[in-house]
Amino acid sequence: MEKSEYLKLFHEMVVIRRLEERAAELYQQGKIGGFLHLYIGQEAVCTGLISARQPVDRVITAYRDHGVAISCGLSAREVMAELLGKATGCSRGKGGSMHMADVSKNFWGGHAIVGAHLPIAVGLALADAYKSQPAVTICMFGDGATNIGYFHEALNLSKVWNLPVLWVCENNQYGMGTAVERASAVSEIRQKACGYRMPNDSVNGMDIIEVRETALRVLEEIRNGSGPQLLEINTYRFRGHSMGDPERYRKPEEVRKWEENDPIGIYQRYLIEHKIATEQELDEETSRAEAEIQDAVEFAEASPEPGAEELFAHIYSEA
């Protein structure tokens, strides 16, 4: 990568972090309604993964989707406006935190029902295979989704039809408030792919370089006809499952231990140690990211609410 690309990834990670921090503040002020699932601690996953895709590749994810939206090319303004339920949001203020999407950027949305988007990913990949399109569908989901029927049905069918799907489990160690090892007979999620004779790998999700390099390799293999593969990206969310989470299931010491391996800090050290960027340059990128988020908040707060006519818009497809 060129230096500018390294800096772009750093900028993106900081934008996601600052956006989530401001979203938490706005939620506490009552300016964001409904549920709010923060991505703090997991920034290296979406940033590294989606930086490896080609424009034709589709991305679909679960409800912890703000960071994924940013990585797919949505602006901080669009995301923040959607969080505040404004008409200028990416879903015109009607989707909120869990339903961000922009198909023009091949981002096929965040989905609130756990695992329900996995069969949709199969359909997207089937359409591309049918049309002989050189696209891979990247489907992201949490560890909790791997214990339900949608997961097994989707993986099985994708393998039966040899579809171009990259299944990505963001294993942040907890399904809501339940640790993986308490809820899953197989705690190493990647092993579940073996039941479908599907190639699989495990990645350190706190290291953006490892995520990106692995994603580049696997996406190329799928594009060349390997069929579906599964990546288990091990990461950690520093905040609760949602804003209403009392977090009684884990100790503060555990969180602090993971925070010592903050993905932004790891990447910052990498850039400095490899003489790709200086501390001053990274400070400047951080300041730019913070200004971008401040602008997004001001834009969102000044934006109009959706009109009453929006209640009846987009109910039926025009196609």
Foldseek 3Di string as FASTA:
>chain_A
DALVVLLVLLLLLLLLQLLQVVLLVCVVVVQFDDWAFHCFFQLLQLSQQLVLFDQQAAEEEAQNPLSNCVSLPDALLQLLLLRSQFCSHQVRSPQHRQFHADCVSRYHTHHHPALPCLVVLLVVQVVCVVVVHLYAYEYEHELVSCVDDSNVVSLQVQLVVLTRYEYEYAYQQDDQLHGQVVPDVDSPSQVVSVVNVAAEEEFASLENVRSNVVSNVVNVCSSVRPGYHYYYHYIHHLDHRISPRPNPRDDPVVSVVRVVSRSSVVSVCVCVVVVSDDPVSSVVSSVVSNVSNVVSNVSSVPGHRDDPCVVVPPPDDPD
